[in-house]
Amino acid sequence: MGAAQIRWGGSDILGEVAAEATHGLRDALHAAVLPLGLPGSGPVRERREILLHQIDDYLVPRLAEPDRPLLIVVGGPTGVGKSTIVNTLVGQGVTQSGLIRPTTRSPVLIHHPADSAWFARDGILTAFDRVDHTTDDPQVLQLVPTTAVPRGTALLDAPDFDSIDDANRRLATRLLAAADMWLFVTSANRYADQVPWHQLDVARQRDTPLMVVLNRIQPEDLEVVSTDLVRQLNRRGIGRGKVVVVEHGQVSDGLLQTTQVDAIRGAIEDLSAAPSIRREIAAQCVAGALREAGKVADEVAAAAGDQVQAVGELLRIADTTYDTAQARLTRAAGDGSVLRGALLARWHELVGTDAQLTTAELMQRVRDRGAALAPGQRREQLDAIELALDLALEALVLEHAEQAAAATSDALRTTPYGAALLDWSDDDLARPGRTLAARCRSAVAAWRRELGAGAAGVDESGTAARLLSLALAVGALTGPGAVANARHSLDAMLRDLLALERDRYLQPVMTWGLTPDAPHRVRGARRAIDHVVGGPAERKVPA
């Protein structure tokens, strides 16, 4: 098979179909956020984040430029002489080493000067800034151009993945996921540790070509340790990688004084001389990464489905409590209880009677009384009644909103994840919204104006319209004598006010970015990845 077309699952693994499927998976994963702390969601959330980094750091740029230089990431546990190996390979001190630091504080990328354009900000690891000097900033790549690294290859010295610093461990994991090949450095004292083997298992799962360097080994331990190391590699199915043994030796100016590192240098030079092998290695790594991405996508889709269901349950709780509050508010607004105390007395004074009147009688009496009252007296009485009516309705709405918010908060906190919704919002969702009182006053005033505009004829004065709007409002609030249109518009106003209160519980969900179709989108993206990679690849590329 020619190097130009390396196929898995019927598709060119380094072609446009794979690139489109990868972009689709990235978009689907971004939409499948996991905001709630549901059981098991934490590890899936972490694997999703790692995969998104790998897509942006490695898969997208590799698929965009399949022939870019091969990135060999040098990784290993703390204290195994990893940076010394790198410096010896390059022939100069390009990366910090020694006991003064527990980790490589920032990644160092060493490449041939002619390959510099490949490692600009729009290449691999685009989230990292680039510098040309030593730095302790873990969010930058220190670029070191040197002819000691042959063209078509590059070395990336990563932090120790068993560092005592969490950030450095995460950074090491992220950089290893961006590798076309791993140069795994361990020692006689560290090769049996659990953490290194976990990372080697990751390499096996991703089908990443591997070179293992057993460093700092005493000559008398060479046969026993190297034999055991190879046995363990074979047992885990990763024995096909090259194993290089570097005996404990003298270090001068940060460089090992030994020729045993030449085996590593020779392997890198062989890759430099074989573009077709480099491309096949890249294809193997992409295929392995995409197969693993499909497994993570399955986990994310299932977790996102649980999240969508949980969010739906939370919102249904809010819907139920606010529907109940809405029904109570509507009943209270029409049972006549709003018209009481000073408001009722002022209204009887305005209409000149406390007798129960039909709507038609009330309207006629308001017209007659309005004509009989002096203009100043009419305005004074209207101002007082309108204010009292507005405050009474506002108090009624606030009372029911307070009950609804408290009931919703109590109900949500009885669920295992309702607190996440309540605590996410800057608003206190256990109480009515801070703007509800102002919105209520504005809505009631607008409702009265609409009643007056609809009731007043072309010959009616502004005062007459206010009187008629009050009559219609009172009719809507007195139950048996309610005016149908006025009552309908009152119910609509109250429903809108409480609906906005209920929508406060939706706002945090909207900021999460989780949509109901998120699980479906991830599964669809996973199927596209399956089309590209098919089943596990049988090809094994020599490292």
Protein backbone atom coordinates (compact mmCIF):
# COMPACT_ATOMS: atom_id res chain seq x y z
CA MET A 1 0.00 0.00 0.00
CA GLY A 2 1.41 3.38 -0.96
CA ALA A 3 2.05 6.00 1.66
CA ALA A 4 -0.27 8.48 -0.03
CA GLN A 5 -3.40 6.59 0.98
CA ILE A 6 -3.46 4.74 4.27
CA ARG A 7 -6.95 3.41 4.84
CA TRP A 8 -8.94 2.29 7.82
CA GLY A 9 -12.66 1.50 7.68
CA GLY A 10 -12.82 2.26 3.96
CA SER A 11 -11.61 5.87 4.37
CA ASP A 12 -8.27 7.62 4.02
CA ILE A 13 -7.37 8.04 7.67
CA LEU A 14 -5.46 11.23 6.89
CA GLY A 15 -8.01 12.54 4.39
CA GLU A 16 -10.88 15.02 4.37
CA VAL A 17 -13.46 12.53 5.63
CA ALA A 18 -11.45 11.95 8.80
CA ALA A 19 -10.96 15.70 9.23
CA GLU A 20 -14.69 16.38 8.86
CA ALA A 21 -15.57 13.60 11.29
CA THR A 22 -13.09 14.97 13.81
CA HIS A 23 -14.46 18.49 13.55
CA GLY A 24 -17.97 17.08 13.95
CA LEU A 25 -16.95 15.21 17.07
CA ARG A 26 -15.35 18.32 18.55
CA ASP A 27 -18.52 20.36 17.98
CA ALA A 28 -20.69 17.62 19.47
CA LEU A 29 -18.48 17.30 22.54
CA HIS A 30 -18.53 21.05 23.11
CA ALA A 31 -22.35 20.88 23.12
CA ALA A 32 -22.37 17.95 25.56
CA VAL A 33 -21.34 19.76 28.72
CA LEU A 34 -21.82 17.90 31.99
CA PRO A 35 -22.62 20.64 34.53
CA LEU A 36 -24.34 18.58 37.20
CA GLY A 37 -22.42 16.47 39.67
CA LEU A 38 -24.28 13.27 38.90
CA PRO A 39 -22.77 9.95 40.02
CA GLY A 40 -19.87 9.07 37.74
CA SER A 41 -19.95 12.36 35.86
CA GLY A 42 -16.61 13.59 37.22
CA PRO A 43 -14.36 11.04 35.45
CA VAL A 44 -16.35 11.36 32.21
CA ARG A 45 -16.07 15.14 32.39
CA GLU A 46 -12.30 14.81 32.77
CA ARG A 47 -12.00 12.37 29.84
CA ARG A 48 -14.12 14.69 27.71
CA GLU A 49 -11.80 17.59 28.50
CA ILE A 50 -8.71 15.50 27.71
CA LEU A 51 -10.23 14.42 24.40
CA LEU A 52 -11.16 17.99 23.43
CA HIS A 53 -7.58 19.03 24.12
CA GLN A 54 -6.28 16.16 22.01
CA ILE A 55 -8.55 17.08 19.13
CA ASP A 56 -7.37 20.69 19.14
CA ASP A 57 -3.75 20.00 20.07
CA TYR A 58 -3.11 17.05 17.78
CA LEU A 59 -5.86 15.59 15.60
CA VAL A 60 -7.04 18.75 13.85
CA PRO A 61 -3.54 20.03 12.96
CA ARG A 62 -2.28 16.55 12.04
CA LEU A 63 -5.24 15.96 9.72
CA ALA A 64 -4.88 19.44 8.24
CA GLU A 65 -1.19 18.79 7.43
CA PRO A 66 -0.54 15.01 7.39
CA ASP A 67 3.10 15.47 6.40
CA ARG A 68 4.10 17.83 9.18
CA PRO A 69 7.12 16.64 11.20
CA LEU A 70 6.65 13.70 13.51
CA LEU A 71 6.34 14.81 17.15
CA ILE A 72 8.18 12.55 19.58
CA VAL A 73 7.09 13.37 23.13
CA VAL A 74 9.60 12.47 25.83
CA GLY A 75 7.82 11.44 29.01
CA GLY A 76 8.50 9.58 32.18
CA PRO A 77 8.26 9.63 35.96
CA THR A 78 10.17 11.94 38.24
CA GLY A 79 13.88 11.46 38.75
CA VAL A 80 14.68 9.09 35.87
CA GLY A 81 17.01 11.43 33.97
CA LYS A 82 14.54 12.28 31.22
CA SER A 83 15.84 15.79 30.57
CA THR A 84 19.43 14.52 30.65
CA ILE A 85 18.55 12.07 27.88
CA VAL A 86 17.05 14.91 25.83
CA ASN A 87 20.06 17.16 26.37
CA THR A 88 22.41 14.33 25.43
CA LEU A 89 20.47 13.60 22.24
CA VAL A 90 20.68 17.25 21.24
CA GLY A 91 24.24 17.73 22.44
CA GLN A 92 23.50 20.80 24.53
CA GLY A 93 21.52 21.85 27.60
CA VAL A 94 18.16 22.74 26.08
CA THR A 95 15.95 21.69 29.00
CA GLN A 96 16.32 22.04 32.75
CA SER A 97 17.37 19.05 34.78
CA GLY A 98 18.56 18.33 38.27
CA LEU A 99 17.23 18.22 41.79
CA ILE A 100 16.32 21.91 41.89
CA ARG A 101 12.96 21.21 40.35
CA PRO A 102 10.53 18.29 40.63
CA THR A 103 9.23 18.71 37.08
CA THR A 104 9.95 20.33 33.78
CA ARG A 105 8.04 23.53 34.44
CA SER A 106 7.29 24.31 30.81
CA PRO A 107 7.45 22.03 27.76
CA VAL A 108 10.46 22.38 25.49
CA LEU A 109 10.03 21.62 21.79
CA ILE A 110 13.27 20.96 19.91
CA HIS A 111 13.19 20.87 16.10
CA HIS A 112 15.31 21.38 13.01
CA PRO A 113 15.51 25.07 11.97
CA ALA A 114 14.09 24.23 8.53
CA ASP A 115 10.95 22.88 10.23
CA SER A 116 10.26 26.07 12.23
CA ALA A 117 7.16 27.00 10.22
CA TRP A 118 5.47 23.76 11.22
CA PHE A 119 5.57 24.69 14.89
CA ALA A 120 4.12 28.20 14.73
CA ARG A 121 1.01 29.03 16.75
CA ASP A 122 -1.31 27.68 14.06
CA GLY A 123 0.33 24.25 14.20
CA ILE A 124 0.13 21.65 16.94
CA LEU A 125 -0.74 22.69 20.51
CA THR A 126 -2.34 25.92 19.34
CA ALA A 127 -3.46 26.85 22.86
CA PHE A 128 0.15 27.36 23.93
CA ASP A 129 2.12 30.54 23.36
CA ARG A 130 5.58 30.26 21.83
CA VAL A 131 8.82 31.66 23.26
CA ASP A 132 12.49 31.24 22.40
CA HIS A 133 13.85 31.39 25.94
CA THR A 134 13.70 29.44 29.19
CA THR A 135 10.46 29.99 31.10
CA ASP A 136 8.58 28.58 34.05
CA ASP A 137 5.20 29.27 32.43
CA PRO A 138 3.45 25.93 31.76
CA GLN A 139 1.17 27.56 29.20
CA VAL A 140 3.93 28.22 26.67
CA LEU A 141 6.16 26.13 24.46
CA GLN A 142 9.84 26.96 24.47
CA LEU A 143 10.96 26.44 20.87
CA VAL A 144 14.58 25.38 20.37
CA PRO A 145 15.72 25.12 16.72
CA THR A 146 18.83 23.01 16.27
CA THR A 147 20.37 20.92 13.52
CA ALA A 148 20.99 18.20 16.10
CA VAL A 149 17.38 17.13 15.50
CA PRO A 150 16.96 15.80 11.94
CA ARG A 151 14.33 17.27 9.62
CA GLY A 152 10.88 15.76 9.75
CA THR A 153 11.09 15.00 13.48
CA ALA A 154 10.87 16.98 16.70
CA LEU A 155 11.36 16.25 20.39
CA LEU A 156 9.02 17.57 23.07
CA ASP A 157 10.25 17.33 26.66
CA ALA A 158 7.13 17.03 28.80
CA PRO A 159 6.71 17.47 32.58
CA ASP A 160 6.91 14.42 34.79
CA PHE A 161 3.53 12.74 34.72
CA ASP A 162 3.79 11.67 38.37
CA SER A 163 4.67 15.17 39.53
CA ILE A 164 3.56 16.30 42.96
CA ASP A 165 1.95 19.24 41.18
CA ASP A 166 -1.54 18.56 39.79
CA ALA A 167 -1.18 21.14 37.02
CA ASN A 168 2.04 19.55 35.79
CA ARG A 169 0.48 16.09 35.75
CA ARG A 170 -2.43 17.40 33.69
CA LEU A 171 0.00 19.14 31.36
CA ALA A 172 2.04 15.97 30.91
CA THR A 173 -1.10 13.99 30.07
CA ARG A 174 -2.13 16.64 27.56
CA LEU A 175 1.26 16.67 25.85
CA LEU A 176 1.46 12.90 25.66
CA ALA A 177 -1.92 12.93 23.89
CA ALA A 178 -0.36 15.15 21.21
CA ALA A 179 2.40 12.67 20.42
CA ASP A 180 2.99 10.79 17.18
CA MET A 181 5.46 8.67 19.14
CA TRP A 182 6.47 8.32 22.76
CA LEU A 183 10.04 8.21 23.98
CA PHE A 184 9.33 6.75 27.39
CA VAL A 185 12.16 7.14 29.90
CA THR A 186 12.23 5.13 33.11
CA SER A 187 14.87 3.72 35.43
CA ALA A 188 15.71 0.57 37.32
CA ASN A 189 14.20 2.12 40.43
CA ARG A 190 11.01 3.41 38.81
CA TYR A 191 10.06 1.06 35.98
CA ALA A 192 7.82 -1.07 38.22
CA ASP A 193 5.82 1.89 39.56
CA GLN A 194 2.09 1.84 38.84
CA VAL A 195 1.83 5.35 37.37
CA PRO A 196 4.31 4.72 34.52
CA TRP A 197 2.49 1.53 33.57
CA HIS A 198 -0.79 3.39 33.48
CA GLN A 199 0.70 5.80 30.94
CA LEU A 200 2.11 2.90 28.94
CA ASP A 201 -1.36 1.34 28.88
CA VAL A 202 -2.65 4.62 27.43
CA ALA A 203 -0.02 4.33 24.69
CA ARG A 204 -1.19 0.80 23.94
CA GLN A 205 -4.85 1.85 23.82
CA ARG A 206 -4.04 4.64 21.37
CA ASP A 207 -1.74 2.38 19.33
CA THR A 208 1.04 4.93 19.78
CA PRO A 209 4.51 3.80 18.59
CA LEU A 210 6.80 3.57 21.55
CA MET A 211 10.48 3.59 22.38
CA VAL A 212 11.35 2.73 25.99
CA VAL A 213 14.59 3.95 27.51
CA LEU A 214 15.71 2.10 30.62
CA ASN A 215 18.05 4.71 32.07
CA ARG A 216 20.54 4.82 34.96
CA ILE A 217 20.83 1.08 35.30
CA GLN A 218 23.78 -0.45 37.08
CA PRO A 219 25.68 -3.02 34.98
CA GLU A 220 25.10 -5.76 37.55
CA ASP A 221 21.30 -5.19 37.36
CA LEU A 222 21.14 -5.01 33.58
CA GLU A 223 20.13 -8.58 32.75
CA VAL A 224 17.50 -9.01 35.47
CA VAL A 225 15.84 -5.60 35.12
CA SER A 226 15.84 -5.44 31.32
CA THR A 227 14.44 -8.97 31.07
CA ASP A 228 11.67 -8.15 33.55
CA LEU A 229 10.87 -4.91 31.75
CA VAL A 230 10.50 -6.63 28.38
CA ARG A 231 8.39 -9.35 29.97
CA GLN A 232 6.02 -6.78 31.44
CA LEU A 233 5.82 -4.90 28.16
CA ASN A 234 4.97 -8.11 26.33
CA ARG A 235 2.37 -9.08 28.91
CA ARG A 236 0.57 -5.77 28.35
CA GLY A 237 0.71 -6.07 24.59
CA ILE A 238 3.17 -3.21 24.09
CA GLY A 239 6.33 -5.21 23.59
CA ARG A 240 6.70 -4.30 19.92
CA GLY A 241 8.38 -0.99 20.77
CA LYS A 242 12.14 -0.62 20.81
CA VAL A 243 13.85 -0.90 24.21
CA VAL A 244 17.11 0.97 24.73
CA VAL A 245 19.23 0.43 27.82
CA VAL A 246 21.43 3.27 29.10
CA GLU A 247 23.73 2.30 31.93
CA HIS A 248 24.42 4.57 34.84
CA GLY A 249 27.30 6.76 33.75
CA GLN A 250 29.13 10.02 34.12
CA VAL A 251 27.29 13.29 33.44
CA SER A 252 29.28 16.34 32.35
CA ASP A 253 27.66 19.74 31.69
CA GLY A 254 24.27 18.03 31.81
CA LEU A 255 25.18 15.45 29.13
CA LEU A 256 25.72 11.73 29.50
CA GLN A 257 29.19 10.64 28.57
CA THR A 258 28.12 7.46 26.78
CA THR A 259 27.47 6.18 23.28
CA GLN A 260 24.44 4.17 24.37
CA VAL A 261 22.16 7.10 23.55
CA ASP A 262 23.26 6.72 19.92
CA ALA A 263 20.65 3.98 19.48
CA ILE A 264 17.90 6.51 20.16
CA ARG A 265 19.53 9.08 17.90
CA GLY A 266 19.85 6.49 15.15
CA ALA A 267 16.16 5.57 15.35
CA ILE A 268 15.20 9.24 15.00
CA GLU A 269 17.53 9.65 12.02
CA ASP A 270 15.97 6.59 10.38
CA LEU A 271 12.56 8.26 10.69
CA SER A 272 13.94 11.46 9.20
CA ALA A 273 15.08 9.51 6.15
CA ALA A 274 11.74 7.71 5.65
CA PRO A 275 8.78 10.06 4.91
CA SER A 276 6.52 7.13 4.09
CA ILE A 277 7.17 5.53 7.50
CA ARG A 278 6.54 8.86 9.23
CA ARG A 279 3.22 9.18 7.43
CA GLU A 280 2.21 5.65 8.37
CA ILE A 281 3.14 6.33 11.98
CA ALA A 282 0.97 9.45 11.88
CA ALA A 283 -1.87 7.45 10.35
CA GLN A 284 -1.54 4.78 13.02
CA CYS A 285 -1.62 7.38 15.79
CA VAL A 286 -4.61 9.18 14.29
CA ALA A 287 -6.52 5.91 13.90
CA GLY A 288 -5.72 4.87 17.46
CA ALA A 289 -6.66 8.28 18.84
CA LEU A 290 -9.95 8.25 16.92
CA ARG A 291 -10.84 4.75 18.11
CA GLU A 292 -10.26 5.84 21.69
CA ALA A 293 -12.21 9.03 20.97
CA GLY A 294 -15.16 6.88 19.94
CA LYS A 295 -15.09 5.12 23.31
CA VAL A 296 -14.98 8.42 25.16
CA ALA A 297 -17.81 9.69 22.96
CA ASP A 298 -19.96 6.74 24.06
CA GLU A 299 -19.33 7.64 27.69
CA VAL A 300 -20.05 11.33 27.07
CA ALA A 301 -23.26 10.56 25.17
CA ALA A 302 -24.53 8.38 28.02
CA ALA A 303 -23.53 10.95 30.64
CA ALA A 304 -25.07 13.78 28.63
CA GLY A 305 -28.29 11.78 28.39
CA ASP A 306 -28.32 11.49 32.18
CA GLN A 307 -27.65 15.23 32.44
CA VAL A 308 -30.45 16.12 30.03
CA GLN A 309 -32.85 13.91 31.98
CA ALA A 310 -31.74 15.43 35.28
CA VAL A 311 -32.05 18.99 34.00
CA GLY A 312 -35.48 18.14 32.65
CA GLU A 313 -36.51 16.86 36.07
CA LEU A 314 -35.26 20.03 37.73
CA LEU A 315 -37.17 22.21 35.32
CA ARG A 316 -40.29 20.09 35.74
CA ILE A 317 -40.09 20.72 39.48
CA ALA A 318 -40.04 24.45 38.77
CA ASP A 319 -42.89 24.09 36.29
CA THR A 320 -45.02 22.20 38.82
CA THR A 321 -44.52 24.61 41.70
CA TYR A 322 -45.06 27.68 39.54
CA ASP A 323 -48.13 26.19 37.85
CA THR A 324 -49.58 25.67 41.32
CA ALA A 325 -48.65 29.23 42.31
CA GLN A 326 -50.15 30.56 39.08
CA ALA A 327 -53.48 28.85 39.75
CA ARG A 328 -53.59 30.22 43.31
CA LEU A 329 -52.68 33.70 42.14
CA THR A 330 -55.39 33.69 39.49
CA ARG A 331 -58.00 32.61 42.02
CA ALA A 332 -56.87 35.20 44.58
CA ALA A 333 -56.95 37.97 41.97
CA GLY A 334 -60.58 37.26 41.15
CA ASP A 335 -62.16 36.52 44.51
CA GLY A 336 -62.57 40.17 45.52
CA SER A 337 -59.97 40.04 48.29
CA VAL A 338 -57.76 42.63 46.54
CA LEU A 339 -60.49 45.27 47.03
CA ARG A 340 -60.38 45.77 50.79
CA GLY A 341 -59.47 48.30 53.43
CA ALA A 342 -58.60 51.82 52.28
CA LEU A 343 -58.75 50.85 48.61
CA LEU A 344 -62.32 49.59 48.94
CA ALA A 345 -63.38 52.69 50.92
CA ARG A 346 -61.93 55.05 48.30
CA TRP A 347 -63.62 53.11 45.53
CA HIS A 348 -67.05 53.29 47.25
CA GLU A 349 -66.51 57.00 47.75
CA LEU A 350 -65.76 57.44 44.06
CA VAL A 351 -68.80 55.54 42.81
CA GLY A 352 -71.03 56.91 45.62
CA THR A 353 -72.31 53.53 46.80
CA ASP A 354 -71.22 50.28 48.39
CA ALA A 355 -74.04 48.34 46.72
CA GLN A 356 -73.26 45.37 44.47
CA LEU A 357 -73.62 46.61 40.90
CA THR A 358 -73.64 44.86 37.59
CA THR A 359 -70.88 45.76 35.18
CA ALA A 360 -73.22 47.92 33.09
CA GLU A 361 -74.53 49.72 36.20
CA LEU A 362 -70.99 50.27 37.44
CA MET A 363 -69.85 51.73 34.14
CA GLN A 364 -72.81 54.10 33.96
CA ARG A 365 -72.37 55.21 37.56
CA VAL A 366 -68.67 55.93 36.95
CA ARG A 367 -69.62 58.10 33.95
CA ASP A 368 -72.21 59.98 35.99
CA ARG A 369 -69.92 60.48 38.99
CA GLY A 370 -67.05 61.56 36.81
CA ALA A 371 -69.14 64.27 35.27
CA ALA A 372 -70.37 65.44 38.68
CA LEU A 373 -66.94 65.72 40.34
CA ALA A 374 -64.75 68.77 40.03
CA PRO A 375 -61.62 68.19 37.90
CA GLY A 376 -59.19 68.58 40.81
CA GLN A 377 -61.23 66.25 42.99
CA ARG A 378 -61.42 63.66 40.22
CA ARG A 379 -57.65 63.66 39.70
CA GLU A 380 -56.96 63.39 43.44
CA GLN A 381 -59.32 60.45 43.87
CA LEU A 382 -58.11 58.73 40.72
CA ASP A 383 -54.44 59.07 41.75
CA ALA A 384 -55.16 57.61 45.18
CA ILE A 385 -57.21 54.69 43.90
CA GLU A 386 -54.83 53.82 41.08
CA LEU A 387 -51.87 53.83 43.47
CA ALA A 388 -53.71 51.70 46.01
CA LEU A 389 -54.81 49.27 43.29
CA ASP A 390 -51.28 48.98 41.90
CA LEU A 391 -49.80 48.33 45.35
CA ALA A 392 -52.49 45.76 46.20
CA LEU A 393 -51.86 43.79 43.02
CA GLU A 394 -48.10 44.09 43.48
CA ALA A 395 -48.37 42.71 47.01
CA LEU A 396 -50.52 39.85 45.76
CA VAL A 397 -48.04 38.91 43.04
CA LEU A 398 -45.04 39.19 45.40
CA GLU A 399 -46.77 37.02 47.97
CA HIS A 400 -47.38 34.19 45.50
CA ALA A 401 -43.95 34.60 43.91
CA GLU A 402 -42.38 34.30 47.37
CA GLN A 403 -44.32 31.10 48.02
CA ALA A 404 -43.41 29.68 44.60
CA ALA A 405 -39.70 30.46 44.97
CA ALA A 406 -39.54 28.94 48.44
CA ALA A 407 -41.46 25.82 47.38
CA THR A 408 -39.28 25.39 44.28
CA SER A 409 -36.06 25.83 46.25
CA ASP A 410 -37.17 23.35 48.91
CA ALA A 411 -38.20 20.80 46.30
CA LEU A 412 -34.97 21.17 44.32
CA ARG A 413 -32.79 20.73 47.39
CA THR A 414 -34.45 17.41 48.11
CA THR A 415 -32.97 16.09 44.84
CA PRO A 416 -29.33 14.92 44.64
CA TYR A 417 -28.42 17.65 42.14
CA GLY A 418 -30.92 20.48 42.58
CA ALA A 419 -28.43 22.50 44.59
CA ALA A 420 -26.26 22.79 41.47
CA LEU A 421 -29.05 24.66 39.72
CA LEU A 422 -29.77 26.89 42.70
CA ASP A 423 -26.16 27.67 43.51
CA TRP A 424 -25.11 28.27 39.90
CA SER A 425 -27.24 31.39 39.57
CA ASP A 426 -26.14 34.79 40.85
CA ASP A 427 -29.80 35.41 41.65
CA ASP A 428 -31.24 34.04 44.90
CA LEU A 429 -33.67 31.54 43.42
CA ALA A 430 -35.19 30.86 46.85
CA ARG A 431 -36.72 34.36 46.74
CA PRO A 432 -38.56 36.39 44.09
CA GLY A 433 -36.43 38.11 41.50
CA ARG A 434 -34.96 41.47 42.45
CA THR A 435 -36.78 43.22 39.60
CA LEU A 436 -40.19 41.62 40.16
CA ALA A 437 -41.69 44.54 42.15
CA ALA A 438 -40.73 47.09 39.50
CA ARG A 439 -41.93 44.84 36.69
CA CYS A 440 -45.21 44.27 38.51
CA ARG A 441 -45.91 48.00 38.96
CA SER A 442 -45.14 48.63 35.31
CA ALA A 443 -47.31 45.72 34.16
CA VAL A 444 -50.31 46.74 36.29
CA ALA A 445 -50.11 50.35 35.09
CA ALA A 446 -49.93 49.16 31.48
CA TRP A 447 -52.90 46.86 32.07
CA ARG A 448 -55.01 49.75 33.38
CA ARG A 449 -54.06 51.96 30.44
CA GLU A 450 -55.02 49.24 27.99
CA LEU A 451 -58.41 48.88 29.69
CA GLY A 452 -59.05 52.59 29.43
CA ALA A 453 -57.95 52.76 25.80
CA GLY A 454 -60.26 49.91 24.93
CA ALA A 455 -63.24 51.26 26.88
CA ALA A 456 -63.11 54.93 26.05
CA GLY A 457 -65.01 56.18 23.02
CA VAL A 458 -63.78 58.86 20.65
CA ASP A 459 -65.51 61.53 22.70
CA GLU A 460 -64.18 60.42 26.05
CA SER A 461 -61.73 62.67 27.87
CA GLY A 462 -58.53 61.40 29.48
CA THR A 463 -60.15 61.50 32.91
CA ALA A 464 -63.12 59.55 31.65
CA ALA A 465 -60.81 56.90 30.23
CA ARG A 466 -59.08 56.58 33.62
CA LEU A 467 -62.44 56.25 35.36
CA LEU A 468 -63.60 53.61 32.92
CA SER A 469 -60.32 51.68 33.18
CA LEU A 470 -60.71 51.64 36.98
CA ALA A 471 -64.27 50.39 36.63
CA LEU A 472 -63.13 47.58 34.34
CA ALA A 473 -60.23 46.75 36.68
CA VAL A 474 -62.56 46.59 39.66
CA GLY A 475 -64.93 44.43 37.65
CA ALA A 476 -62.09 42.05 36.82
CA LEU A 477 -61.17 41.80 40.53
CA THR A 478 -64.65 41.21 41.97
CA GLY A 479 -65.38 37.73 40.70
CA PRO A 480 -69.09 37.40 39.84
CA GLY A 481 -69.29 40.76 38.08
CA ALA A 482 -66.04 40.29 36.17
CA VAL A 483 -65.74 41.78 32.72
CA ALA A 484 -64.62 38.99 30.44
CA ASN A 485 -62.00 40.89 28.42
CA ALA A 486 -60.62 42.70 31.45
CA ARG A 487 -60.43 39.47 33.40
CA HIS A 488 -58.71 37.70 30.53
CA SER A 489 -56.08 40.41 30.20
CA LEU A 490 -55.54 40.41 33.99
CA ASP A 491 -54.94 36.66 33.99
CA ALA A 492 -52.53 37.02 31.06
CA MET A 493 -50.58 39.76 32.86
CA LEU A 494 -50.28 37.71 36.06
CA ARG A 495 -49.29 34.61 34.06
CA ASP A 496 -46.53 36.54 32.27
CA LEU A 497 -45.16 37.90 35.54
CA LEU A 498 -44.86 34.46 37.13
CA ALA A 499 -43.57 32.94 33.89
CA LEU A 500 -40.62 35.33 33.99
CA GLU A 501 -40.00 34.28 37.58
CA ARG A 502 -40.02 30.63 36.56
CA ASP A 503 -37.63 31.39 33.67
CA ARG A 504 -34.96 32.32 36.21
CA TYR A 505 -34.45 28.59 36.73
CA LEU A 506 -33.88 28.19 33.01
CA GLN A 507 -31.17 30.86 32.83
CA PRO A 508 -28.44 28.78 34.52
CA VAL A 509 -29.31 25.89 32.22
CA MET A 510 -28.93 28.18 29.21
CA THR A 511 -25.49 29.29 30.42
CA TRP A 512 -24.43 25.66 30.74
CA GLY A 513 -24.91 25.22 27.00
CA LEU A 514 -26.43 21.74 27.36
CA THR A 515 -29.20 21.15 24.82
CA PRO A 516 -31.66 18.24 24.74
CA ASP A 517 -30.17 16.95 21.49
CA ALA A 518 -26.60 16.82 22.85
CA PRO A 519 -26.54 13.01 23.37
CA HIS A 520 -27.93 12.46 19.88
CA ARG A 521 -25.28 14.75 18.37
CA VAL A 522 -22.45 12.93 20.12
CA ARG A 523 -23.74 9.54 18.98
CA GLY A 524 -24.01 10.81 15.43
CA ALA A 525 -20.44 12.11 15.57
CA ARG A 526 -19.32 8.77 16.98
CA ARG A 527 -20.88 6.96 14.00
CA ALA A 528 -18.95 9.26 11.66
CA ILE A 529 -15.72 8.33 13.48
CA ASP A 530 -16.61 4.63 13.14
CA HIS A 531 -16.98 5.11 9.38
CA VAL A 532 -13.42 6.45 9.27
CA VAL A 533 -11.60 3.97 11.51
CA GLY A 534 -13.79 0.87 11.23
CA GLY A 535 -12.50 -1.93 13.47
CA PRO A 536 -9.12 -2.10 15.18
CA ALA A 537 -6.27 -1.69 12.70
CA GLU A 538 -4.11 -4.72 12.05
CA ARG A 539 -1.17 -2.67 10.80
CA LYS A 540 1.78 -2.35 13.15
CA VAL A 541 4.36 0.23 12.25
CA PRO A 542 7.91 -0.41 13.40
CA ALA A 543 9.23 2.17 15.85
